[in-house]
Structures are given as structure tokens and as C-alpha cells.
């Protein structure tokens, strides 16, 4: 948990430092999630081509997997905080292509219908490319895709003896270090 607090402090300091050298533009964003764990955040202008932001969700209960397909017999309490850095080729907060890296922490608490539990914390690293559209009224849409690497920091699993094989396989897959593809749409409002 100490690492999480250090990461959050670093984000605050980086964003504060960037705001000292930039205009006051803030893009408030929502990353819709297929499993109902929508993530909220913001992007802050660093200079004419770079933004730094924060994106996260705390304690969302759903059937969201770490990646891949869901399992109807497994519930998840999902939390994540990400720090995205974006380089926009045509300039920030304008239409155009961009490259983005993300770093952060993700925590999943799985519980099955038969009572098995598993808790896992990952360090999350990702690289995305995409395109962003900005309208004069501040509304914007970002389309992105790329690769994510989840590194297992720690996990603890307690499987009951009567647990079904497909559930054990799901928990095993979703608590291990992995690399997977990802895509998304981000909706924002620029102030």
C-alpha cells in the first residue's frame, strides 16, 4: 500500500509542476467499461504536445476479469489508478494522432459463488496509439488501442475443495503476470 501512496504523491507533484508551466486547460475524461467499472480522470497540459493525467476507479463490484472473458461464477472488486502521458503530434487538445504510455496499479479481489477468494495487485504498464477529436464546445472523443503488461506484485488465493475446474482456471489466469491487447473509447470535456 505504501507504493500506492508514493505513486499518488508523484502524480500530484508532476501535475502541479506541469500546471505551473502551462495554461489552465483541463480535460475531464470518462473511460466507459464493458463491465460497468467506468473510470474517471483528467488530463493536464504540460506543453504544446504533451499531457499528463490520472485515471482511476476504486472498489467497483462486477464480474470484470483482469483481461479476457468474464466468468459468471466469479465476482470482482476492481480498483485501478493509472497515470497516462500522451504525446499528440498535432498539438494537445486538437484533432490528430497520438502515442500514449500508462503506468499505474491495479487491484482485483475475486470471490466465487462457492466461496473461493483471490486477491491480486498488479503494476500496470501500457502503450497505446490512437486518434482524438475535439469540438469547439470542449467535447472530445479519443479512440485508442495497444498493449498492456500486468506484472503481479503479490497475490493470495484460497480455493475451496469443491470449486469447479473452469473457475480455478479463470482465477489462475487472472492472477498471473500477463501481456494482452486492449482498445477503448474515452469521452471528455475540455475546460
Protein backbone atom coordinates (compact mmCIF):
# COMPACT_ATOMS: atom_id res chain seq x y z
CA UNK A 1 0.00 0.00 0.00
CA UNK A 2 2.98 2.29 0.62
CA UNK A 3 3.85 2.11 -3.10
CA UNK A 4 0.33 3.25 -3.99
CA UNK A 5 0.64 6.33 -1.77
CA UNK A 6 4.06 7.13 -3.25
CA UNK A 7 2.66 6.82 -6.78
CA UNK A 8 -0.28 9.09 -5.94
CA UNK A 9 2.06 11.69 -4.42
CA UNK A 10 4.27 11.56 -7.51
CA UNK A 11 1.23 12.14 -9.74
CA UNK A 12 0.13 15.15 -7.71
CA UNK A 13 3.62 16.64 -7.81
CA UNK A 14 4.03 16.03 -11.55
CA UNK A 15 0.63 17.52 -12.36
CA UNK A 16 1.27 20.51 -10.10
CA UNK A 17 4.65 21.14 -11.71
CA UNK A 18 3.14 20.87 -15.20
CA UNK A 19 0.38 23.32 -14.33
CA UNK A 20 2.98 25.92 -13.32
CA UNK A 21 4.32 25.96 -16.88
CA UNK A 22 1.10 25.61 -18.86
CA UNK A 23 -2.22 27.21 -19.48
CA UNK A 24 -5.16 26.22 -17.30
CA UNK A 25 -6.72 23.67 -19.68
CA UNK A 26 -8.05 20.52 -18.04
CA UNK A 27 -9.74 17.73 -19.96
CA UNK A 28 -12.13 15.78 -17.69
CA UNK A 29 -12.48 12.24 -19.07
CA UNK A 30 -14.54 9.07 -18.68
CA UNK A 31 -13.35 5.66 -19.85
CA UNK A 32 -16.52 3.57 -20.28
CA UNK A 33 -16.10 -0.06 -19.23
CA UNK A 34 -17.99 -3.04 -20.67
CA UNK A 35 -18.34 -4.44 -17.14
CA UNK A 36 -19.75 -1.26 -15.57
CA UNK A 37 -16.49 -0.16 -13.88
CA UNK A 38 -16.30 3.19 -15.67
CA UNK A 39 -13.11 5.08 -14.88
CA UNK A 40 -12.89 8.83 -14.29
CA UNK A 41 -9.95 11.15 -14.62
CA UNK A 42 -8.38 14.19 -16.16
CA UNK A 43 -5.62 15.30 -18.50
CA UNK A 44 -3.48 18.32 -17.81
CA UNK A 45 -1.47 20.32 -20.31
CA UNK A 46 2.31 20.11 -19.90
CA UNK A 47 3.34 21.83 -23.14
CA UNK A 48 2.15 22.15 -26.73
CA UNK A 49 2.48 18.41 -27.48
CA UNK A 50 2.32 16.66 -24.08
CA UNK A 51 -0.34 15.97 -21.48
CA UNK A 52 -0.17 14.12 -18.19
CA UNK A 53 -3.21 12.76 -16.46
CA UNK A 54 -4.76 10.49 -13.90
CA UNK A 55 -7.44 7.87 -14.50
CA UNK A 56 -8.95 5.53 -11.96
CA UNK A 57 -11.69 3.64 -10.22
CA UNK A 58 -12.00 2.45 -6.62
CA UNK A 59 -13.86 -0.65 -5.40
CA UNK A 60 -16.13 -1.40 -8.36
CA UNK A 61 -18.10 -4.63 -7.85
CA UNK A 62 -18.77 -6.50 -11.09
CA UNK A 63 -17.85 -9.64 -12.99
CA UNK A 64 -14.89 -7.84 -14.62
CA UNK A 65 -11.88 -10.07 -15.40
CA UNK A 66 -8.28 -8.85 -15.33
CA UNK A 67 -8.37 -9.48 -19.08
CA UNK A 68 -10.20 -11.78 -21.46
CA UNK A 69 -13.68 -13.18 -20.99
CA UNK A 70 -15.71 -12.93 -17.78
CA UNK A 71 -16.81 -15.89 -15.70
CA UNK A 72 -20.38 -15.71 -14.39
CA UNK A 73 -19.37 -17.65 -11.25
CA UNK A 74 -16.78 -15.03 -10.19
CA UNK A 75 -17.36 -11.53 -8.79
CA UNK A 76 -14.56 -8.96 -8.70
CA UNK A 77 -13.99 -5.85 -6.60
CA UNK A 78 -11.83 -3.85 -9.03
CA UNK A 79 -9.64 -0.81 -8.26
CA UNK A 80 -7.12 0.90 -10.51
CA UNK A 81 -5.17 4.14 -10.76
CA UNK A 82 -3.28 4.97 -13.95
CA UNK A 83 -1.06 7.88 -14.95
CA UNK A 84 -1.25 8.46 -18.72
CA UNK A 85 1.36 10.54 -20.55
CA UNK A 86 0.29 11.45 -24.09
CA UNK A 87 2.28 12.89 -26.99
CA UNK A 88 -0.04 14.47 -29.58
CA UNK A 89 1.59 15.01 -32.98
CA UNK A 90 -0.65 17.97 -34.00
CA UNK A 91 -0.64 19.54 -30.54
CA UNK A 92 -2.66 18.79 -27.45
CA UNK A 93 -6.43 19.16 -27.36
CA UNK A 94 -6.66 19.23 -31.17
CA UNK A 95 -7.72 16.64 -33.73
CA UNK A 96 -4.93 14.22 -34.58
CA UNK A 97 -2.88 11.13 -33.87
CA UNK A 98 -1.10 10.47 -30.57
CA UNK A 99 1.07 7.99 -28.69
CA UNK A 100 0.38 7.27 -25.02
CA UNK A 101 2.05 5.39 -22.20
CA UNK A 102 0.35 4.47 -18.93
CA UNK A 103 1.77 3.39 -15.61
CA UNK A 104 -0.20 2.52 -12.51
CA UNK A 105 -1.50 -0.01 -10.03
CA UNK A 106 -4.45 -2.37 -10.28
CA UNK A 107 -6.07 -4.44 -7.54
CA UNK A 108 -8.58 -7.26 -8.02
CA UNK A 109 -10.46 -9.13 -5.29
CA UNK A 110 -12.16 -12.20 -6.78
CA UNK A 111 -14.87 -14.18 -4.98
CA UNK A 112 -16.63 -17.21 -6.43
CA UNK A 113 -20.17 -18.43 -5.88
CA UNK A 114 -18.77 -21.41 -3.93
CA UNK A 115 -16.67 -19.17 -1.64
CA UNK A 116 -13.16 -19.28 -3.11
CA UNK A 117 -11.27 -15.98 -2.90
CA UNK A 118 -8.25 -14.42 -4.52
CA UNK A 119 -6.61 -11.02 -4.14
CA UNK A 120 -4.00 -9.76 -6.59
CA UNK A 121 -2.16 -6.46 -7.08
CA UNK A 122 -0.53 -5.63 -10.41
CA UNK A 123 1.81 -2.95 -11.67
CA UNK A 124 0.23 -1.83 -14.93
CA UNK A 125 2.28 -0.64 -17.92
CA UNK A 126 0.71 0.08 -21.31
CA UNK A 127 1.48 1.65 -24.68
CA UNK A 128 -1.32 2.93 -26.91
CA UNK A 129 -1.72 4.74 -30.20
CA UNK A 130 -4.87 6.45 -31.33
CA UNK A 131 -6.76 9.41 -32.72
CA UNK A 132 -8.54 12.21 -30.87
CA UNK A 133 -11.34 14.56 -31.99
CA UNK A 134 -12.03 17.90 -30.26
CA UNK A 135 -15.04 20.14 -30.88
CA UNK A 136 -15.20 23.89 -30.20
CA UNK A 137 -17.57 23.41 -27.26
CA UNK A 138 -14.94 21.28 -25.45
CA UNK A 139 -16.50 17.88 -26.09
CA UNK A 140 -13.96 15.31 -27.27
CA UNK A 141 -13.65 11.64 -28.16
CA UNK A 142 -10.49 9.56 -28.16
CA UNK A 143 -10.13 6.18 -29.85
CA UNK A 144 -7.11 4.12 -28.79
CA UNK A 145 -5.60 0.66 -28.86
CA UNK A 146 -2.39 -1.02 -27.82
CA UNK A 147 -0.68 -3.46 -25.49
CA UNK A 148 -0.79 -3.73 -21.69
CA UNK A 149 1.61 -5.55 -19.38
CA UNK A 150 0.35 -6.50 -15.92
CA UNK A 151 3.11 -7.53 -13.52
CA UNK A 152 1.89 -9.45 -10.47
CA UNK A 153 3.22 -7.73 -7.33
CA UNK A 154 1.51 -10.03 -4.88
CA UNK A 155 -1.44 -12.38 -4.70
CA UNK A 156 -3.20 -14.60 -2.21
CA UNK A 157 -5.63 -17.33 -3.26
CA UNK A 158 -7.86 -19.61 -1.21
CA UNK A 159 -9.65 -22.23 -3.35
CA UNK A 160 -12.34 -24.41 -1.74
CA UNK A 161 -12.04 -28.14 -2.45
CA UNK A 162 -15.40 -28.30 -4.25
CA UNK A 163 -14.55 -25.47 -6.69
CA UNK A 164 -15.25 -26.11 -10.39
CA UNK A 165 -12.28 -26.52 -12.77
CA UNK A 166 -13.29 -23.65 -15.09
CA UNK A 167 -13.40 -21.27 -12.09
CA UNK A 168 -9.97 -22.42 -10.83
CA UNK A 169 -8.56 -21.89 -14.35
CA UNK A 170 -10.14 -18.42 -14.53
CA UNK A 171 -8.64 -17.37 -11.18
CA UNK A 172 -5.24 -18.81 -12.11
CA UNK A 173 -5.25 -16.90 -15.44
CA UNK A 174 -6.41 -13.63 -13.89
CA UNK A 175 -3.86 -13.53 -11.05
CA UNK A 176 -0.68 -14.09 -13.11
CA UNK A 177 1.64 -11.67 -14.87
CA UNK A 178 0.37 -11.24 -18.43
CA UNK A 179 0.55 -9.26 -21.65
CA UNK A 180 -2.67 -8.54 -23.51
CA UNK A 181 -4.13 -6.22 -26.11
CA UNK A 182 -6.62 -3.55 -25.31
CA UNK A 183 -8.73 -0.92 -27.01
CA UNK A 184 -11.10 1.73 -25.84
CA UNK A 185 -13.01 4.93 -26.34
CA UNK A 186 -12.55 7.86 -23.97
CA UNK A 187 -15.12 10.65 -23.78
CA UNK A 188 -14.02 14.01 -22.43
CA UNK A 189 -14.88 17.64 -21.82
CA UNK A 190 -12.17 20.29 -22.10
CA UNK A 191 -12.35 23.23 -19.66
